[in-house]
Amino acid sequence: ALCYFNSSLSLFEEQGESQSQGIVLSNLGRIYLQMGLATAAREPLERAVLLISRQMKPSYQNALYCLAKTYSSLAIDCLQEEPGRSSSRQQRLEASRLFVQAADRYQELAPALADGQAEIKVAAAIAKSRSYLARLCGDVQGEEALMLAERAQAFLDNAAANASDGNKAGILGLQRIIAGMKELHSIGLLEN
């Protein structure tokens, strides 16, 4: 399939058909994402979003959704710890930035959908919450840690408000965990 997409892409590039190029790039990126190759999926999906007209439904929305999932996957990869070594501050900041990019793509997508809008709003809020949690990992302490936990919790509140009953329980569980983290950081502030 990848061979056919690449040859189609070459033909559309020769003919100057940017919309068709965008659709092929979107499909190529989606396949890479399904294969678990988020790094390979990123560039074709970013190009696809630029080439496909926003009015071209559902092609533009599909590319945007896959790009958001790609950014989330890349962020999770940044946070993966290698044996004997924790993720660095730079990796956590990159993960945070990628989660924000995912949230932005989901937020752009939500108004364009008739069905599934609530699910996309939940995904955006969770990605935004994860952006703060990624920064909270590691050596962050004191007021900064408390502020990051509060912001993460606020976005989870938003996610819970839009979540279906099946997803709400998991989000509420995460909120309790973050509330515990906030309490621990508050205790640390009191001791200092």
C-alpha atoms as a PDB file:
ATOM      1  CA  ALA A   1       0.000   0.000   0.000  1.00  0.00           C
ATOM      2  CA  LEU A   2       2.845   2.406   0.833  1.00  0.00           C
ATOM      3  CA  CYS A   3       4.294   1.873  -2.666  1.00  0.00           C
ATOM      4  CA  TYR A   4       0.974   2.751  -4.301  1.00  0.00           C
ATOM      5  CA  PHE A   5       0.559   5.857  -2.164  1.00  0.00           C
ATOM      6  CA  ASN A   6       4.078   7.038  -3.016  1.00  0.00           C
ATOM      7  CA  SER A   7       3.578   6.521  -6.753  1.00  0.00           C
ATOM      8  CA  SER A   8       0.170   8.274  -6.582  1.00  0.00           C
ATOM      9  CA  LEU A   9       1.807  11.133  -4.732  1.00  0.00           C
ATOM     10  CA  SER A  10       4.429  11.503  -7.468  1.00  0.00           C
ATOM     11  CA  LEU A  11       1.747  11.594 -10.168  1.00  0.00           C
ATOM     12  CA  PHE A  12      -0.325  14.218  -8.349  1.00  0.00           C
ATOM     13  CA  GLU A  13       2.794  16.333  -7.732  1.00  0.00           C
ATOM     14  CA  GLU A  14       3.634  16.218 -11.467  1.00  0.00           C
ATOM     15  CA  GLN A  15       0.075  17.286 -12.311  1.00  0.00           C
ATOM     16  CA  GLY A  16       0.059  20.017  -9.675  1.00  0.00           C
ATOM     17  CA  GLU A  17      -3.043  18.671  -7.920  1.00  0.00           C
ATOM     18  CA  SER A  18      -2.445  19.812  -4.360  1.00  0.00           C
ATOM     19  CA  GLN A  19      -5.808  18.621  -2.964  1.00  0.00           C
ATOM     20  CA  SER A  20      -5.153  15.108  -4.251  1.00  0.00           C
ATOM     21  CA  GLN A  21      -1.578  15.260  -2.928  1.00  0.00           C
ATOM     22  CA  GLY A  22      -2.984  16.185   0.469  1.00  0.00           C
ATOM     23  CA  ILE A  23      -5.402  13.268   0.494  1.00  0.00           C
ATOM     24  CA  VAL A  24      -2.652  10.816  -0.441  1.00  0.00           C
ATOM     25  CA  LEU A  25      -0.339  12.295   2.214  1.00  0.00           C
ATOM     26  CA  SER A  26      -3.128  12.009   4.790  1.00  0.00           C
ATOM     27  CA  ASN A  27      -3.676   8.339   3.916  1.00  0.00           C
ATOM     28  CA  LEU A  28       0.067   7.720   4.009  1.00  0.00           C
ATOM     29  CA  GLY A  29       0.338   9.337   7.442  1.00  0.00           C
ATOM     30  CA  ARG A  30      -2.675   7.379   8.717  1.00  0.00           C
ATOM     31  CA  ILE A  31      -1.059   4.102   7.643  1.00  0.00           C
ATOM     32  CA  TYR A  32       2.215   5.009   9.362  1.00  0.00           C
ATOM     33  CA  LEU A  33       0.259   5.906  12.495  1.00  0.00           C
ATOM     34  CA  GLN A  34      -1.600   2.577  12.406  1.00  0.00           C
ATOM     35  CA  MET A  35       1.769   0.840  12.083  1.00  0.00           C
ATOM     36  CA  GLY A  36       2.929   2.611  15.268  1.00  0.00           C
ATOM     37  CA  LEU A  37       5.360   4.838  13.358  1.00  0.00           C
ATOM     38  CA  ALA A  38       4.320   8.249  14.647  1.00  0.00           C
ATOM     39  CA  THR A  39       7.615   9.870  13.638  1.00  0.00           C
ATOM     40  CA  ALA A  40       7.107   8.767  10.030  1.00  0.00           C
ATOM     41  CA  ALA A  41       3.437   9.836  10.131  1.00  0.00           C
ATOM     42  CA  ARG A  42       4.135  13.390  11.273  1.00  0.00           C
ATOM     43  CA  GLU A  43       5.585  14.964   8.121  1.00  0.00           C
ATOM     44  CA  PRO A  44       2.997  13.628   5.632  1.00  0.00           C
ATOM     45  CA  LEU A  45       0.140  14.604   7.953  1.00  0.00           C
ATOM     46  CA  GLU A  46       1.517  18.111   8.549  1.00  0.00           C
ATOM     47  CA  ARG A  47       1.833  18.569   4.783  1.00  0.00           C
ATOM     48  CA  ALA A  48      -1.650  17.124   4.208  1.00  0.00           C
ATOM     49  CA  VAL A  49      -3.276  19.639   6.563  1.00  0.00           C
ATOM     50  CA  LEU A  50      -1.616  22.445   4.608  1.00  0.00           C
ATOM     51  CA  LEU A  51      -2.646  21.102   1.194  1.00  0.00           C
ATOM     52  CA  ILE A  52      -6.239  20.014   1.818  1.00  0.00           C
ATOM     53  CA  SER A  53      -8.882  22.740   1.855  1.00  0.00           C
ATOM     54  CA  ARG A  54     -10.722  23.088   5.175  1.00  0.00           C
ATOM     55  CA  GLN A  55     -13.983  22.829   3.258  1.00  0.00           C
ATOM     56  CA  MET A  56     -13.020  19.446   1.806  1.00  0.00           C
ATOM     57  CA  LYS A  57     -14.941  17.158   4.158  1.00  0.00           C
ATOM     58  CA  PRO A  58     -14.140  14.631   5.525  1.00  0.00           C
ATOM     59  CA  SER A  59     -10.591  14.656   4.128  1.00  0.00           C
ATOM     60  CA  TYR A  60      -9.414  17.708   6.060  1.00  0.00           C
ATOM     61  CA  GLN A  61     -10.995  16.505   9.308  1.00  0.00           C
ATOM     62  CA  ASN A  62      -9.470  13.033   8.912  1.00  0.00           C
ATOM     63  CA  ALA A  63      -6.000  14.510   8.383  1.00  0.00           C
ATOM     64  CA  LEU A  64      -6.431  16.820  11.376  1.00  0.00           C
ATOM     65  CA  TYR A  65      -7.588  13.966  13.627  1.00  0.00           C
ATOM     66  CA  CYS A  66      -4.648  11.749  12.598  1.00  0.00           C
ATOM     67  CA  LEU A  67      -2.237  14.637  13.130  1.00  0.00           C
ATOM     68  CA  ALA A  68      -3.596  15.201  16.658  1.00  0.00           C
ATOM     69  CA  LYS A  69      -3.185  11.490  17.446  1.00  0.00           C
ATOM     70  CA  THR A  70       0.343  11.601  15.999  1.00  0.00           C
ATOM     71  CA  TYR A  71       1.340  14.518  18.228  1.00  0.00           C
ATOM     72  CA  SER A  72      -0.042  12.666  21.276  1.00  0.00           C
ATOM     73  CA  SER A  73       1.870   9.520  20.317  1.00  0.00           C
ATOM     74  CA  LEU A  74       5.098  11.463  19.876  1.00  0.00           C
ATOM     75  CA  ALA A  75       4.571  13.147  23.259  1.00  0.00           C
ATOM     76  CA  ILE A  76       4.106   9.783  24.947  1.00  0.00           C
ATOM     77  CA  ASP A  77       7.288   8.556  23.235  1.00  0.00           C
ATOM     78  CA  CYS A  78       9.185  11.544  24.693  1.00  0.00           C
ATOM     79  CA  LEU A  79       8.111  10.528  28.180  1.00  0.00           C
ATOM     80  CA  GLN A  80       9.184   6.890  27.831  1.00  0.00           C
ATOM     81  CA  GLU A  81      12.060   6.216  30.172  1.00  0.00           C
ATOM     82  CA  GLU A  82      14.944   4.084  29.125  1.00  0.00           C
ATOM     83  CA  PRO A  83      16.070   1.469  31.656  1.00  0.00           C
ATOM     84  CA  GLY A  84      18.266   3.098  34.285  1.00  0.00           C
ATOM     85  CA  ARG A  85      17.521   6.645  33.082  1.00  0.00           C
ATOM     86  CA  SER A  86      14.563   8.931  33.627  1.00  0.00           C
ATOM     87  CA  SER A  87      13.283  11.320  30.980  1.00  0.00           C
ATOM     88  CA  SER A  88      15.166  14.604  30.885  1.00  0.00           C
ATOM     89  CA  ARG A  89      13.685  18.030  31.446  1.00  0.00           C
ATOM     90  CA  GLN A  90      14.121  18.712  27.716  1.00  0.00           C
ATOM     91  CA  GLN A  91      12.136  15.577  26.839  1.00  0.00           C
ATOM     92  CA  ARG A  92       9.352  16.547  29.263  1.00  0.00           C
ATOM     93  CA  LEU A  93       9.158  20.049  27.755  1.00  0.00           C
ATOM     94  CA  GLU A  94       9.014  18.573  24.244  1.00  0.00           C
ATOM     95  CA  ALA A  95       6.256  16.187  25.371  1.00  0.00           C
ATOM     96  CA  SER A  96       4.352  19.117  26.854  1.00  0.00           C
ATOM     97  CA  ARG A  97       4.683  21.064  23.590  1.00  0.00           C
ATOM     98  CA  LEU A  98       3.477  18.078  21.548  1.00  0.00           C
ATOM     99  CA  PHE A  99       0.472  17.549  23.835  1.00  0.00           C
ATOM    100  CA  VAL A 100      -0.430  21.233  23.333  1.00  0.00           C
ATOM    101  CA  GLN A 101      -0.179  20.770  19.557  1.00  0.00           C
ATOM    102  CA  ALA A 102      -2.469  17.722  19.815  1.00  0.00           C
ATOM    103  CA  ALA A 103      -4.970  19.713  21.902  1.00  0.00           C
ATOM    104  CA  ASP A 104      -4.891  22.559  19.361  1.00  0.00           C
ATOM    105  CA  ARG A 105      -5.620  20.173  16.475  1.00  0.00           C
ATOM    106  CA  TYR A 106      -8.490  18.558  18.412  1.00  0.00           C
ATOM    107  CA  GLN A 107      -9.901  22.009  19.253  1.00  0.00           C
ATOM    108  CA  GLU A 108      -9.736  23.002  15.604  1.00  0.00           C
ATOM    109  CA  LEU A 109     -11.523  19.789  14.652  1.00  0.00           C
ATOM    110  CA  ALA A 110     -14.373  19.888  17.203  1.00  0.00           C
ATOM    111  CA  PRO A 111     -16.548  22.648  15.639  1.00  0.00           C
ATOM    112  CA  ALA A 112     -16.403  20.944  12.230  1.00  0.00           C
ATOM    113  CA  LEU A 113     -18.024  17.756  13.507  1.00  0.00           C
ATOM    114  CA  ALA A 114     -21.713  17.078  13.899  1.00  0.00           C
ATOM    115  CA  ASP A 115     -21.240  13.697  15.598  1.00  0.00           C
ATOM    116  CA  GLY A 116     -18.431  12.976  18.025  1.00  0.00           C
ATOM    117  CA  GLN A 117     -17.849  16.606  18.970  1.00  0.00           C
ATOM    118  CA  ALA A 118     -17.995  15.817  22.698  1.00  0.00           C
ATOM    119  CA  GLU A 119     -15.407  13.024  22.288  1.00  0.00           C
ATOM    120  CA  ILE A 120     -13.042  15.403  20.497  1.00  0.00           C
ATOM    121  CA  LYS A 121     -13.497  18.044  23.219  1.00  0.00           C
ATOM    122  CA  VAL A 122     -12.626  15.380  25.792  1.00  0.00           C
ATOM    123  CA  ALA A 123      -9.501  14.392  23.801  1.00  0.00           C
ATOM    124  CA  ALA A 124      -8.467  18.072  23.576  1.00  0.00           C
ATOM    125  CA  ALA A 125      -8.924  18.636  27.302  1.00  0.00           C
ATOM    126  CA  ILE A 126      -7.035  15.465  28.215  1.00  0.00           C
ATOM    127  CA  ALA A 127      -4.166  16.378  25.871  1.00  0.00           C
ATOM    128  CA  LYS A 128      -3.983  19.843  27.449  1.00  0.00           C
ATOM    129  CA  SER A 129      -4.028  18.306  30.937  1.00  0.00           C
ATOM    130  CA  ARG A 130      -1.250  15.933  29.929  1.00  0.00           C
ATOM    131  CA  SER A 131       0.813  18.898  28.715  1.00  0.00           C
ATOM    132  CA  TYR A 132       0.854  20.228  32.289  1.00  0.00           C
ATOM    133  CA  LEU A 133       1.436  16.796  33.805  1.00  0.00           C
ATOM    134  CA  ALA A 134       4.428  16.231  31.497  1.00  0.00           C
ATOM    135  CA  ARG A 135       6.016  19.383  32.892  1.00  0.00           C
ATOM    136  CA  LEU A 136       5.124  18.343  36.445  1.00  0.00           C
ATOM    137  CA  CYS A 137       7.201  15.152  36.244  1.00  0.00           C
ATOM    138  CA  GLY A 138      10.708  15.237  37.592  1.00  0.00           C
ATOM    139  CA  ASP A 139      12.307  17.990  39.606  1.00  0.00           C
ATOM    140  CA  VAL A 140       9.464  20.548  39.671  1.00  0.00           C
ATOM    141  CA  GLN A 141       8.637  21.593  43.235  1.00  0.00           C
ATOM    142  CA  GLY A 142       6.830  24.211  45.273  1.00  0.00           C
ATOM    143  CA  GLU A 143       4.520  26.832  43.799  1.00  0.00           C
ATOM    144  CA  GLU A 144       5.285  25.811  40.215  1.00  0.00           C
ATOM    145  CA  ALA A 145       4.318  22.176  40.878  1.00  0.00           C
ATOM    146  CA  LEU A 146       1.105  23.252  42.590  1.00  0.00           C
ATOM    147  CA  MET A 147       0.207  25.575  39.694  1.00  0.00           C
ATOM    148  CA  LEU A 148       0.862  22.852  37.095  1.00  0.00           C
ATOM    149  CA  ALA A 149      -1.273  20.352  39.022  1.00  0.00           C
ATOM    150  CA  GLU A 150      -4.098  22.891  39.324  1.00  0.00           C
ATOM    151  CA  ARG A 151      -4.053  23.589  35.580  1.00  0.00           C
ATOM    152  CA  ALA A 152      -3.991  19.868  34.781  1.00  0.00           C
ATOM    153  CA  GLN A 153      -6.973  19.394  37.100  1.00  0.00           C
ATOM    154  CA  ALA A 154      -8.895  22.264  35.476  1.00  0.00           C
ATOM    155  CA  PHE A 155      -8.598  20.660  32.039  1.00  0.00           C
ATOM    156  CA  LEU A 156      -9.685  17.317  33.463  1.00  0.00           C
ATOM    157  CA  ASP A 157     -12.768  19.114  34.849  1.00  0.00           C
ATOM    158  CA  ASN A 158     -13.483  20.216  31.283  1.00  0.00           C
ATOM    159  CA  ALA A 159     -12.959  16.661  29.999  1.00  0.00           C
ATOM    160  CA  ALA A 160     -15.310  15.235  32.635  1.00  0.00           C
ATOM    161  CA  ALA A 161     -17.988  17.769  31.693  1.00  0.00           C
ATOM    162  CA  ASN A 162     -17.949  16.532  28.068  1.00  0.00           C
ATOM    163  CA  ALA A 163     -17.285  12.830  28.708  1.00  0.00           C
ATOM    164  CA  SER A 164     -19.786  10.050  28.240  1.00  0.00           C
ATOM    165  CA  ASP A 165     -20.685   8.024  31.311  1.00  0.00           C
ATOM    166  CA  GLY A 166     -18.315   5.237  30.244  1.00  0.00           C
ATOM    167  CA  ASN A 167     -15.299   7.556  30.091  1.00  0.00           C
ATOM    168  CA  LYS A 168     -16.230   9.756  33.029  1.00  0.00           C
ATOM    169  CA  ALA A 169     -15.176   7.221  35.684  1.00  0.00           C
ATOM    170  CA  GLY A 170     -11.599   7.089  34.364  1.00  0.00           C
ATOM    171  CA  ILE A 171     -11.374  10.874  34.228  1.00  0.00           C
ATOM    172  CA  LEU A 172     -12.712  11.195  37.773  1.00  0.00           C
ATOM    173  CA  GLY A 173     -10.076   8.688  38.914  1.00  0.00           C
ATOM    174  CA  LEU A 174      -7.348  10.828  37.320  1.00  0.00           C
ATOM    175  CA  GLN A 175      -8.787  13.891  39.042  1.00  0.00           C
ATOM    176  CA  ARG A 176      -8.490  12.157  42.423  1.00  0.00           C
ATOM    177  CA  ILE A 177      -4.861  11.263  41.698  1.00  0.00           C
ATOM    178  CA  ILE A 178      -4.046  14.857  40.751  1.00  0.00           C
ATOM    179  CA  ALA A 179      -5.885  16.103  43.857  1.00  0.00           C
ATOM    180  CA  GLY A 180      -3.569  13.853  45.895  1.00  0.00           C
ATOM    181  CA  MET A 181      -0.543  15.235  44.067  1.00  0.00           C
ATOM    182  CA  LYS A 182      -1.714  18.778  44.790  1.00  0.00           C
ATOM    183  CA  GLU A 183      -2.122  17.888  48.460  1.00  0.00           C
ATOM    184  CA  LEU A 184       1.407  16.481  48.631  1.00  0.00           C
ATOM    185  CA  HIS A 185       2.845  19.606  47.010  1.00  0.00           C
ATOM    186  CA  SER A 186       0.798  21.814  49.371  1.00  0.00           C
ATOM    187  CA  ILE A 187       2.169  19.927  52.374  1.00  0.00           C
ATOM    188  CA  GLY A 188       5.679  20.434  51.001  1.00  0.00           C
ATOM    189  CA  LEU A 189       5.002  24.183  50.722  1.00  0.00           C
ATOM    190  CA  LEU A 190       3.769  24.311  54.308  1.00  0.00           C
ATOM    191  CA  GLU A 191       6.898  22.556  55.553  1.00  0.00           C
ATOM    192  CA  ASN A 192       9.092  25.094  53.744  1.00  0.00           C
END
